[in-house]
N, C-alpha and C. Protein backbone atom coordinates (compact mmCIF):
# COMPACT_ATOMS: atom_id res chain seq x y z
N MET A 1 -71.36 -8.82 60.05
CA MET A 1 -72.49 -9.71 60.15
C MET A 1 -73.03 -9.94 58.74
N GLU A 2 -73.41 -11.17 58.42
CA GLU A 2 -73.90 -11.45 57.09
C GLU A 2 -75.24 -10.76 56.84
N LYS A 3 -75.52 -10.48 55.57
CA LYS A 3 -76.67 -9.68 55.18
C LYS A 3 -78.00 -10.28 55.64
N GLU A 4 -78.19 -11.58 55.43
CA GLU A 4 -79.45 -12.22 55.80
C GLU A 4 -79.66 -12.21 57.31
N LYS A 5 -78.58 -12.44 58.03
CA LYS A 5 -78.67 -12.42 59.50
C LYS A 5 -79.03 -11.02 59.98
N LYS A 6 -78.42 -10.02 59.37
CA LYS A 6 -78.69 -8.63 59.73
C LYS A 6 -80.16 -8.29 59.47
N LYS A 7 -80.69 -8.75 58.34
CA LYS A 7 -82.10 -8.52 58.02
C LYS A 7 -83.01 -9.19 59.04
N ALA A 8 -82.65 -10.42 59.42
CA ALA A 8 -83.47 -11.16 60.40
C ALA A 8 -83.45 -10.45 61.75
N ILE A 9 -82.29 -9.96 62.15
CA ILE A 9 -82.19 -9.23 63.42
C ILE A 9 -83.04 -7.96 63.36
N ASN A 10 -82.93 -7.22 62.27
CA ASN A 10 -83.72 -5.99 62.13
C ASN A 10 -85.22 -6.28 62.15
N ARG A 11 -85.61 -7.39 61.53
CA ARG A 11 -87.03 -7.79 61.54
C ARG A 11 -87.48 -8.07 62.97
N CYS A 12 -86.64 -8.77 63.72
CA CYS A 12 -86.96 -9.07 65.12
C CYS A 12 -87.11 -7.79 65.94
N VAL A 13 -86.16 -6.87 65.77
CA VAL A 13 -86.21 -5.62 66.53
C VAL A 13 -87.48 -4.85 66.18
N LYS A 14 -87.83 -4.77 64.91
CA LYS A 14 -89.06 -4.07 64.50
C LYS A 14 -90.28 -4.70 65.14
N GLN A 15 -90.34 -6.03 65.12
CA GLN A 15 -91.50 -6.72 65.69
C GLN A 15 -91.55 -6.55 67.21
N ILE A 16 -90.40 -6.57 67.85
CA ILE A 16 -90.36 -6.37 69.31
C ILE A 16 -90.83 -4.95 69.64
N LYS A 17 -90.43 -3.97 68.83
CA LYS A 17 -90.88 -2.60 69.03
C LYS A 17 -92.40 -2.48 68.88
N LYS A 18 -93.00 -3.36 68.06
CA LYS A 18 -94.45 -3.36 67.86
C LYS A 18 -95.18 -4.12 68.96
N GLY A 19 -94.43 -4.70 69.90
CA GLY A 19 -95.06 -5.41 71.01
C GLY A 19 -95.13 -6.91 70.85
N ASN A 20 -94.42 -7.46 69.88
CA ASN A 20 -94.44 -8.91 69.63
C ASN A 20 -93.22 -9.60 70.24
N GLY A 21 -92.86 -9.21 71.44
CA GLY A 21 -91.66 -9.73 72.09
C GLY A 21 -91.69 -11.22 72.34
N GLU A 22 -92.84 -11.76 72.76
CA GLU A 22 -92.92 -13.19 73.09
C GLU A 22 -92.51 -14.06 71.91
N THR A 23 -92.86 -13.63 70.72
CA THR A 23 -92.54 -14.40 69.53
C THR A 23 -91.12 -14.16 69.04
N PHE A 24 -90.67 -12.90 69.10
CA PHE A 24 -89.42 -12.55 68.43
C PHE A 24 -88.19 -12.47 69.32
N VAL A 25 -88.34 -12.38 70.64
CA VAL A 25 -87.17 -12.38 71.51
C VAL A 25 -86.41 -13.71 71.41
N PRO A 26 -87.11 -14.88 71.41
CA PRO A 26 -86.36 -16.13 71.25
C PRO A 26 -85.59 -16.21 69.91
N GLU A 27 -86.20 -15.69 68.85
CA GLU A 27 -85.51 -15.69 67.56
C GLU A 27 -84.30 -14.76 67.60
N LEU A 28 -84.46 -13.60 68.23
CA LEU A 28 -83.36 -12.66 68.39
C LEU A 28 -82.25 -13.30 69.21
N HIS A 29 -82.63 -14.03 70.25
CA HIS A 29 -81.64 -14.72 71.09
C HIS A 29 -80.83 -15.71 70.26
N ALA A 30 -81.51 -16.45 69.39
CA ALA A 30 -80.81 -17.41 68.53
C ALA A 30 -79.84 -16.71 67.59
N LEU A 31 -80.17 -15.49 67.18
CA LEU A 31 -79.34 -14.77 66.23
C LEU A 31 -78.13 -14.09 66.87
N ILE A 32 -78.30 -13.52 68.07
CA ILE A 32 -77.20 -12.75 68.66
C ILE A 32 -76.77 -13.27 70.03
N GLY A 33 -77.32 -14.38 70.45
CA GLY A 33 -77.00 -14.92 71.79
C GLY A 33 -75.52 -15.14 72.02
N ASN A 34 -74.81 -15.74 71.04
CA ASN A 34 -73.36 -15.97 71.20
C ASN A 34 -72.59 -14.67 71.27
N ASN A 35 -73.03 -13.66 70.51
CA ASN A 35 -72.36 -12.36 70.56
C ASN A 35 -72.52 -11.72 71.94
N VAL A 36 -73.72 -11.84 72.50
CA VAL A 36 -73.97 -11.29 73.84
C VAL A 36 -73.11 -12.02 74.87
N ARG A 37 -73.05 -13.36 74.78
CA ARG A 37 -72.22 -14.13 75.72
C ARG A 37 -70.75 -13.73 75.60
N PHE A 38 -70.29 -13.50 74.37
CA PHE A 38 -68.90 -13.12 74.16
C PHE A 38 -68.60 -11.78 74.83
N ILE A 39 -69.48 -10.82 74.66
CA ILE A 39 -69.27 -9.51 75.29
C ILE A 39 -69.20 -9.66 76.80
N SER A 40 -70.12 -10.44 77.35
CA SER A 40 -70.12 -10.69 78.79
C SER A 40 -68.82 -11.36 79.21
N PHE A 41 -68.41 -12.35 78.43
CA PHE A 41 -67.19 -13.11 78.73
C PHE A 41 -65.97 -12.20 78.69
N LYS A 42 -65.96 -11.27 77.73
CA LYS A 42 -64.85 -10.34 77.58
C LYS A 42 -64.64 -9.53 78.86
N PHE A 43 -65.72 -9.13 79.49
CA PHE A 43 -65.62 -8.31 80.69
C PHE A 43 -65.51 -9.12 81.98
N PHE A 44 -66.26 -10.23 82.07
CA PHE A 44 -66.39 -10.90 83.35
C PHE A 44 -65.90 -12.35 83.37
N GLY A 45 -65.42 -12.87 82.24
CA GLY A 45 -65.01 -14.27 82.21
C GLY A 45 -66.20 -15.16 82.50
N ARG A 46 -65.96 -16.22 83.25
CA ARG A 46 -67.05 -17.15 83.57
C ARG A 46 -67.72 -16.83 84.90
N SER A 47 -67.51 -15.66 85.41
CA SER A 47 -68.04 -15.33 86.73
C SER A 47 -69.56 -15.19 86.68
N PRO A 48 -70.21 -15.37 87.82
CA PRO A 48 -71.67 -15.20 87.89
C PRO A 48 -72.11 -13.78 87.52
N VAL A 49 -71.23 -12.82 87.69
CA VAL A 49 -71.56 -11.44 87.31
C VAL A 49 -71.87 -11.37 85.81
N GLY A 50 -71.09 -12.10 85.02
CA GLY A 50 -71.33 -12.15 83.58
C GLY A 50 -72.66 -12.78 83.25
N ASP A 51 -72.98 -13.88 83.93
CA ASP A 51 -74.28 -14.53 83.72
C ASP A 51 -75.42 -13.59 84.09
N ASP A 52 -75.24 -12.86 85.19
CA ASP A 52 -76.26 -11.90 85.62
C ASP A 52 -76.43 -10.79 84.59
N ALA A 53 -75.32 -10.33 84.01
CA ALA A 53 -75.39 -9.27 83.00
C ALA A 53 -76.16 -9.75 81.76
N VAL A 54 -75.88 -10.98 81.34
CA VAL A 54 -76.58 -11.54 80.18
C VAL A 54 -78.07 -11.67 80.49
N GLN A 55 -78.38 -12.19 81.66
CA GLN A 55 -79.78 -12.36 82.05
C GLN A 55 -80.49 -11.00 82.11
N ALA A 56 -79.83 -10.00 82.68
CA ALA A 56 -80.42 -8.66 82.76
C ALA A 56 -80.68 -8.10 81.36
N PHE A 57 -79.74 -8.35 80.45
CA PHE A 57 -79.92 -7.87 79.08
C PHE A 57 -81.17 -8.49 78.46
N TRP A 58 -81.30 -9.81 78.56
CA TRP A 58 -82.44 -10.47 77.93
C TRP A 58 -83.76 -10.13 78.61
N GLU A 59 -83.71 -9.85 79.92
CA GLU A 59 -84.93 -9.41 80.61
C GLU A 59 -85.37 -8.04 80.14
N ASN A 60 -84.42 -7.20 79.74
CA ASN A 60 -84.72 -5.82 79.33
C ASN A 60 -84.63 -5.60 77.84
N VAL A 61 -84.47 -6.64 77.06
CA VAL A 61 -84.23 -6.46 75.62
C VAL A 61 -85.40 -5.75 74.93
N GLU A 62 -86.63 -5.97 75.40
CA GLU A 62 -87.76 -5.29 74.78
C GLU A 62 -87.67 -3.78 75.01
N LYS A 63 -87.29 -3.36 76.22
CA LYS A 63 -87.13 -1.94 76.52
C LYS A 63 -85.98 -1.35 75.70
N ILE A 64 -84.91 -2.12 75.56
CA ILE A 64 -83.76 -1.65 74.78
C ILE A 64 -84.16 -1.48 73.31
N CYS A 65 -84.93 -2.43 72.79
CA CYS A 65 -85.38 -2.34 71.39
C CYS A 65 -86.25 -1.10 71.18
N LEU A 66 -87.08 -0.77 72.18
CA LEU A 66 -87.92 0.42 72.05
C LEU A 66 -87.09 1.69 71.93
N LYS A 67 -85.90 1.70 72.51
CA LYS A 67 -85.03 2.87 72.46
C LYS A 67 -84.25 2.95 71.15
N CYS A 68 -84.25 1.87 70.38
CA CYS A 68 -83.51 1.84 69.11
C CYS A 68 -84.15 2.83 68.16
N PRO A 69 -83.45 3.93 67.81
CA PRO A 69 -84.07 4.99 67.02
C PRO A 69 -84.44 4.57 65.60
N VAL A 70 -83.55 3.95 64.89
CA VAL A 70 -83.78 3.53 63.52
C VAL A 70 -83.33 2.07 63.42
N VAL A 71 -84.12 1.26 62.77
CA VAL A 71 -83.79 -0.15 62.73
C VAL A 71 -83.12 -0.51 61.40
N GLU A 72 -81.95 0.09 61.16
CA GLU A 72 -81.15 -0.28 60.00
C GLU A 72 -80.07 -1.26 60.40
N ASP A 73 -79.62 -1.15 61.63
CA ASP A 73 -78.64 -2.10 62.16
C ASP A 73 -78.96 -2.35 63.63
N GLY A 74 -80.09 -3.00 63.84
CA GLY A 74 -80.56 -3.28 65.19
C GLY A 74 -79.59 -4.13 65.98
N GLY A 75 -78.93 -5.06 65.32
CA GLY A 75 -77.97 -5.93 66.00
C GLY A 75 -76.81 -5.14 66.57
N ALA A 76 -76.28 -4.22 65.79
CA ALA A 76 -75.17 -3.39 66.27
C ALA A 76 -75.63 -2.52 67.43
N TYR A 77 -76.84 -1.99 67.34
CA TYR A 77 -77.38 -1.16 68.42
C TYR A 77 -77.50 -1.97 69.71
N LEU A 78 -78.08 -3.17 69.62
CA LEU A 78 -78.26 -4.00 70.80
C LEU A 78 -76.92 -4.42 71.41
N LEU A 79 -75.99 -4.86 70.56
CA LEU A 79 -74.69 -5.30 71.07
C LEU A 79 -73.89 -4.14 71.64
N HIS A 80 -74.00 -2.98 71.03
CA HIS A 80 -73.31 -1.80 71.56
C HIS A 80 -73.92 -1.42 72.91
N SER A 81 -75.25 -1.49 73.01
CA SER A 81 -75.92 -1.19 74.28
C SER A 81 -75.46 -2.15 75.37
N PHE A 82 -75.40 -3.45 75.02
CA PHE A 82 -74.97 -4.43 76.02
C PHE A 82 -73.50 -4.23 76.39
N ASN A 83 -72.67 -3.92 75.40
CA ASN A 83 -71.26 -3.65 75.67
C ASN A 83 -71.13 -2.50 76.67
N ASN A 84 -71.93 -1.44 76.47
CA ASN A 84 -71.89 -0.30 77.39
C ASN A 84 -72.39 -0.69 78.78
N MET A 85 -73.43 -1.53 78.83
CA MET A 85 -73.93 -2.00 80.13
C MET A 85 -72.82 -2.75 80.87
N CYS A 86 -72.15 -3.64 80.18
CA CYS A 86 -71.07 -4.42 80.79
C CYS A 86 -69.90 -3.52 81.19
N LYS A 87 -69.57 -2.58 80.31
CA LYS A 87 -68.46 -1.68 80.60
C LYS A 87 -68.73 -0.88 81.87
N ASN A 88 -69.95 -0.37 81.99
CA ASN A 88 -70.30 0.40 83.19
C ASN A 88 -70.29 -0.48 84.44
N GLN A 89 -70.82 -1.68 84.30
CA GLN A 89 -70.83 -2.59 85.45
C GLN A 89 -69.41 -2.99 85.82
N TYR A 90 -68.59 -3.22 84.81
CA TYR A 90 -67.20 -3.60 85.06
C TYR A 90 -66.44 -2.48 85.76
N LYS A 91 -66.65 -1.24 85.29
CA LYS A 91 -65.99 -0.09 85.91
C LYS A 91 -66.37 0.04 87.38
N SER A 92 -67.62 -0.31 87.69
CA SER A 92 -68.04 -0.20 89.08
C SER A 92 -67.42 -1.31 89.94
N LEU A 93 -67.01 -2.40 89.32
CA LEU A 93 -66.42 -3.51 90.07
C LEU A 93 -64.91 -3.38 90.27
N THR A 94 -64.23 -2.84 89.26
CA THR A 94 -62.77 -2.79 89.31
C THR A 94 -62.23 -1.69 88.41
N ALA A 95 -61.02 -1.30 88.65
CA ALA A 95 -60.39 -0.27 87.82
C ALA A 95 -59.45 -0.86 86.79
N HIS A 96 -59.32 -2.19 86.74
CA HIS A 96 -58.39 -2.84 85.81
C HIS A 96 -59.10 -3.24 84.53
N PRO A 97 -58.42 -3.19 83.38
CA PRO A 97 -59.05 -3.59 82.12
C PRO A 97 -59.30 -5.10 82.09
N PRO A 98 -60.31 -5.54 81.34
CA PRO A 98 -60.62 -6.96 81.29
C PRO A 98 -59.54 -7.76 80.59
N VAL A 99 -59.39 -9.01 81.01
CA VAL A 99 -58.46 -9.93 80.36
C VAL A 99 -59.31 -10.86 79.51
N LEU A 100 -59.01 -10.91 78.25
CA LEU A 100 -59.81 -11.68 77.31
C LEU A 100 -59.11 -12.98 76.97
N ASP A 101 -59.75 -14.10 77.28
CA ASP A 101 -59.21 -15.41 76.95
C ASP A 101 -60.12 -16.04 75.90
N ILE A 102 -59.79 -15.80 74.64
CA ILE A 102 -60.61 -16.26 73.53
C ILE A 102 -60.77 -17.79 73.54
N GLY A 103 -59.71 -18.50 73.82
CA GLY A 103 -59.76 -19.96 73.82
C GLY A 103 -60.77 -20.51 74.81
N GLU A 104 -60.82 -19.93 75.98
CA GLU A 104 -61.76 -20.38 77.01
C GLU A 104 -63.20 -20.12 76.53
N PHE A 105 -63.44 -18.96 75.91
CA PHE A 105 -64.77 -18.65 75.41
C PHE A 105 -65.19 -19.63 74.32
N GLU A 106 -64.29 -19.89 73.36
CA GLU A 106 -64.63 -20.79 72.27
C GLU A 106 -64.89 -22.21 72.77
N ALA A 107 -64.14 -22.65 73.77
CA ALA A 107 -64.36 -23.98 74.34
C ALA A 107 -65.74 -24.04 74.97
N GLU A 108 -66.17 -22.94 75.58
CA GLU A 108 -67.48 -22.91 76.22
C GLU A 108 -68.61 -22.98 75.20
N ILE A 109 -68.53 -22.19 74.11
CA ILE A 109 -69.64 -22.21 73.16
C ILE A 109 -69.64 -23.48 72.32
N ALA A 110 -68.48 -24.12 72.16
CA ALA A 110 -68.42 -25.35 71.38
C ALA A 110 -69.19 -26.47 72.07
N THR A 111 -69.27 -26.45 73.37
CA THR A 111 -69.98 -27.50 74.09
C THR A 111 -71.45 -27.17 74.29
N ASP A 112 -71.86 -25.94 73.95
CA ASP A 112 -73.23 -25.52 74.20
C ASP A 112 -74.24 -26.07 73.19
N GLU A 113 -73.81 -26.41 72.00
CA GLU A 113 -74.76 -26.77 70.95
C GLU A 113 -74.34 -28.07 70.28
N GLU A 114 -75.32 -28.73 69.66
CA GLU A 114 -74.97 -29.88 68.85
C GLU A 114 -74.33 -29.38 67.57
N ILE A 115 -73.32 -30.08 67.11
CA ILE A 115 -72.60 -29.64 65.93
C ILE A 115 -72.64 -30.74 64.88
N THR A 116 -73.00 -30.39 63.64
CA THR A 116 -73.06 -31.37 62.56
C THR A 116 -71.65 -31.64 62.03
N PHE A 117 -71.52 -32.69 61.24
CA PHE A 117 -70.22 -33.05 60.66
C PHE A 117 -69.67 -31.91 59.82
N ARG A 118 -70.52 -31.29 59.01
CA ARG A 118 -70.09 -30.19 58.15
C ARG A 118 -69.62 -29.00 59.01
N GLN A 119 -70.33 -28.73 60.10
CA GLN A 119 -69.92 -27.65 60.99
C GLN A 119 -68.57 -27.95 61.64
N VAL A 120 -68.36 -29.22 61.98
CA VAL A 120 -67.07 -29.61 62.58
C VAL A 120 -65.95 -29.39 61.57
N ALA A 121 -66.19 -29.79 60.32
CA ALA A 121 -65.16 -29.62 59.28
C ALA A 121 -64.87 -28.13 59.06
N LEU A 122 -65.91 -27.30 59.03
CA LEU A 122 -65.71 -25.87 58.85
C LEU A 122 -64.99 -25.28 60.07
N LYS A 123 -65.36 -25.74 61.26
CA LYS A 123 -64.69 -25.26 62.47
C LYS A 123 -63.21 -25.64 62.45
N ASN A 124 -62.88 -26.84 61.99
CA ASN A 124 -61.48 -27.26 61.89
C ASN A 124 -60.71 -26.35 60.93
N ALA A 125 -61.34 -25.99 59.81
CA ALA A 125 -60.71 -25.09 58.85
C ALA A 125 -60.50 -23.72 59.49
N PHE A 126 -61.49 -23.28 60.23
CA PHE A 126 -61.39 -21.99 60.92
C PHE A 126 -60.25 -22.02 61.95
N ASN A 127 -60.14 -23.13 62.68
CA ASN A 127 -59.06 -23.26 63.67
C ASN A 127 -57.68 -23.28 63.01
N LYS A 128 -57.58 -23.92 61.82
CA LYS A 128 -56.31 -23.91 61.10
C LYS A 128 -55.93 -22.48 60.71
N ALA A 129 -56.92 -21.71 60.29
CA ALA A 129 -56.66 -20.32 59.92
C ALA A 129 -56.21 -19.53 61.14
N LYS A 130 -56.83 -19.76 62.29
CA LYS A 130 -56.44 -19.05 63.51
C LYS A 130 -55.01 -19.38 63.92
N GLU A 131 -54.59 -20.62 63.67
CA GLU A 131 -53.21 -21.01 64.00
C GLU A 131 -52.20 -20.22 63.18
N LYS A 132 -52.60 -19.81 61.98
CA LYS A 132 -51.72 -19.04 61.10
C LYS A 132 -51.66 -17.56 61.49
N MET A 133 -52.61 -17.12 62.32
CA MET A 133 -52.67 -15.71 62.71
C MET A 133 -51.75 -15.44 63.89
N SER A 134 -51.22 -14.22 63.91
CA SER A 134 -50.45 -13.79 65.08
C SER A 134 -51.44 -13.58 66.23
N PRO A 135 -50.94 -13.53 67.46
CA PRO A 135 -51.85 -13.30 68.60
C PRO A 135 -52.66 -12.01 68.46
N ARG A 136 -52.03 -10.95 67.98
CA ARG A 136 -52.75 -9.67 67.82
C ARG A 136 -53.80 -9.77 66.71
N GLU A 137 -53.43 -10.42 65.58
CA GLU A 137 -54.40 -10.59 64.50
C GLU A 137 -55.61 -11.36 65.01
N LYS A 138 -55.33 -12.42 65.74
CA LYS A 138 -56.38 -13.28 66.26
C LYS A 138 -57.30 -12.50 67.22
N GLU A 139 -56.70 -11.72 68.10
CA GLU A 139 -57.50 -10.97 69.06
C GLU A 139 -58.41 -9.96 68.36
N VAL A 140 -57.85 -9.20 67.43
CA VAL A 140 -58.64 -8.20 66.72
C VAL A 140 -59.75 -8.87 65.93
N PHE A 141 -59.41 -9.91 65.18
CA PHE A 141 -60.38 -10.60 64.34
C PHE A 141 -61.51 -11.21 65.17
N LEU A 142 -61.18 -11.90 66.25
CA LEU A 142 -62.20 -12.57 67.05
C LEU A 142 -63.07 -11.58 67.82
N ARG A 143 -62.50 -10.45 68.20
CA ARG A 143 -63.32 -9.44 68.88
C ARG A 143 -64.30 -8.81 67.91
N ILE A 144 -63.90 -8.67 66.66
CA ILE A 144 -64.83 -8.16 65.65
C ILE A 144 -65.89 -9.23 65.36
N LEU A 145 -65.45 -10.46 65.19
CA LEU A 145 -66.35 -11.56 64.84
C LEU A 145 -67.37 -11.84 65.94
N TYR A 146 -66.89 -12.09 67.15
CA TYR A 146 -67.79 -12.48 68.24
C TYR A 146 -68.34 -11.29 69.01
N GLY A 147 -67.54 -10.28 69.16
CA GLY A 147 -67.95 -9.16 69.98
C GLY A 147 -68.64 -8.05 69.21
N ASN A 148 -68.55 -8.10 67.88
CA ASN A 148 -69.15 -7.09 67.03
C ASN A 148 -68.73 -5.68 67.49
N GLU A 149 -67.46 -5.55 67.86
CA GLU A 149 -66.95 -4.28 68.36
C GLU A 149 -66.40 -3.44 67.22
N PRO A 150 -66.57 -2.14 67.30
CA PRO A 150 -65.97 -1.27 66.29
C PRO A 150 -64.44 -1.33 66.38
N ILE A 151 -63.78 -1.22 65.25
CA ILE A 151 -62.32 -1.32 65.17
C ILE A 151 -61.67 -0.23 66.02
N VAL A 152 -62.30 0.94 66.11
CA VAL A 152 -61.75 2.04 66.90
C VAL A 152 -61.68 1.66 68.38
N ASP A 153 -62.75 1.04 68.89
CA ASP A 153 -62.77 0.63 70.31
C ASP A 153 -61.73 -0.45 70.59
N ILE A 154 -61.62 -1.40 69.67
CA ILE A 154 -60.64 -2.48 69.85
C ILE A 154 -59.23 -1.91 69.89
N ALA A 155 -58.94 -1.02 68.94
CA ALA A 155 -57.60 -0.41 68.88
C ALA A 155 -57.29 0.33 70.17
N LYS A 156 -58.26 1.09 70.65
CA LYS A 156 -58.04 1.86 71.89
C LYS A 156 -57.80 0.93 73.07
N GLU A 157 -58.59 -0.13 73.18
CA GLU A 157 -58.48 -1.04 74.33
C GLU A 157 -57.16 -1.82 74.35
N ILE A 158 -56.63 -2.17 73.16
CA ILE A 158 -55.37 -2.94 73.17
C ILE A 158 -54.15 -2.06 72.93
N GLY A 159 -54.38 -0.74 72.81
CA GLY A 159 -53.27 0.21 72.76
C GLY A 159 -52.54 0.30 71.44
N ILE A 160 -53.29 0.22 70.32
CA ILE A 160 -52.67 0.39 69.01
C ILE A 160 -53.50 1.39 68.22
N SER A 161 -52.97 1.84 67.09
CA SER A 161 -53.72 2.80 66.26
C SER A 161 -54.84 2.08 65.52
N ARG A 162 -55.83 2.86 65.11
CA ARG A 162 -56.95 2.31 64.34
C ARG A 162 -56.43 1.72 63.03
N ARG A 163 -55.50 2.41 62.41
CA ARG A 163 -54.94 1.95 61.14
C ARG A 163 -54.24 0.59 61.32
N HIS A 164 -53.47 0.45 62.42
CA HIS A 164 -52.78 -0.81 62.69
C HIS A 164 -53.80 -1.92 62.95
N ALA A 165 -54.85 -1.62 63.70
CA ALA A 165 -55.90 -2.61 63.97
C ALA A 165 -56.58 -3.03 62.67
N THR A 166 -56.81 -2.09 61.77
CA THR A 166 -57.43 -2.39 60.48
C THR A 166 -56.52 -3.31 59.65
N ARG A 167 -55.22 -3.03 59.67
CA ARG A 167 -54.27 -3.90 58.94
C ARG A 167 -54.27 -5.31 59.53
N LEU A 168 -54.31 -5.40 60.87
CA LEU A 168 -54.35 -6.72 61.52
C LEU A 168 -55.61 -7.48 61.12
N LYS A 169 -56.74 -6.78 61.09
CA LYS A 169 -58.00 -7.41 60.69
C LYS A 169 -57.92 -7.91 59.25
N GLN A 170 -57.42 -7.07 58.35
CA GLN A 170 -57.32 -7.46 56.95
C GLN A 170 -56.38 -8.65 56.76
N SER A 171 -55.28 -8.65 57.48
CA SER A 171 -54.33 -9.76 57.41
C SER A 171 -54.97 -11.05 57.91
N ALA A 172 -55.73 -10.95 59.01
CA ALA A 172 -56.41 -12.14 59.55
C ALA A 172 -57.45 -12.66 58.57
N ILE A 173 -58.20 -11.76 57.94
CA ILE A 173 -59.21 -12.16 56.96
C ILE A 173 -58.56 -12.83 55.77
N GLU A 174 -57.42 -12.30 55.33
CA GLU A 174 -56.70 -12.90 54.20
C GLU A 174 -56.23 -14.32 54.55
N LYS A 175 -55.72 -14.51 55.77
CA LYS A 175 -55.28 -15.84 56.20
C LYS A 175 -56.46 -16.80 56.30
N LEU A 176 -57.60 -16.30 56.75
CA LEU A 176 -58.80 -17.13 56.82
C LEU A 176 -59.24 -17.52 55.40
N LYS A 177 -59.24 -16.56 54.51
CA LYS A 177 -59.65 -16.81 53.13
C LYS A 177 -58.74 -17.84 52.46
N ILE A 178 -57.44 -17.71 52.64
CA ILE A 178 -56.49 -18.65 52.06
C ILE A 178 -56.73 -20.06 52.60
N THR A 179 -56.94 -20.16 53.91
CA THR A 179 -57.19 -21.47 54.51
C THR A 179 -58.49 -22.07 54.01
N LEU A 180 -59.53 -21.26 53.88
CA LEU A 180 -60.81 -21.77 53.38
C LEU A 180 -60.69 -22.23 51.92
N ILE A 181 -59.86 -21.56 51.15
CA ILE A 181 -59.62 -22.00 49.77
C ILE A 181 -58.86 -23.32 49.79
N GLU A 182 -57.81 -23.41 50.62
CA GLU A 182 -57.02 -24.65 50.72
C GLU A 182 -57.87 -25.83 51.18
N GLU A 183 -58.84 -25.57 52.05
CA GLU A 183 -59.68 -26.64 52.59
C GLU A 183 -60.90 -26.93 51.71
N GLY A 184 -61.05 -26.18 50.61
CA GLY A 184 -62.13 -26.44 49.68
C GLY A 184 -63.46 -25.77 50.01
N TRP A 185 -63.46 -24.81 50.92
CA TRP A 185 -64.69 -24.13 51.29
C TRP A 185 -64.97 -22.95 50.37
N LEU A 186 -63.94 -22.38 49.77
CA LEU A 186 -64.07 -21.26 48.84
C LEU A 186 -63.31 -21.58 47.56
N LYS A 187 -63.70 -20.90 46.49
CA LYS A 187 -62.94 -20.98 45.24
C LYS A 187 -62.02 -19.78 45.20
N ASN A 188 -60.97 -19.86 44.39
CA ASN A 188 -59.98 -18.78 44.31
C ASN A 188 -60.56 -17.42 43.97
N ASP A 189 -61.66 -17.37 43.24
CA ASP A 189 -62.21 -16.09 42.81
C ASP A 189 -63.21 -15.50 43.79
N GLU A 190 -63.51 -16.15 44.92
CA GLU A 190 -64.49 -15.64 45.88
C GLU A 190 -63.87 -14.67 46.83
């Protein structure tokens, strides 16, 4: 997560802990809403159970923030809490691991918001980079990006070592960086 976004999330969590939920929950939603939807989507797809899980999270987000012991990485705490909520709910529904369809999720969030021309151009560059990634690289990278999942959990869930998952992530990041340089979004020294 980028530094400024992390600071904004931590500020929201601190304010919510102080009782300013009405003001800061909507801001927090704007900051981590897509990550929460992704986690829900990972476990439940487009089913109403996923929508219910997201709704339950946002209804209880103030209580969850109060349980956050230290607000150095409030976003990770909240997303990890929601991931655990979904995991427990999923386990109660079925014994099979979730099937993750990244393309379906991205198609859903792309239609949710208005997108500027610059955002479209950046998204196209991002899609070109994803085309260069292997399926495993893409899965690991997107689960880190959207799901904010620890590399250890991702490795365990897809049945590879942590070291292999780390190499896949680094390879995906390198391919993204090369594509962003080719498309003019980054300079060679960045």
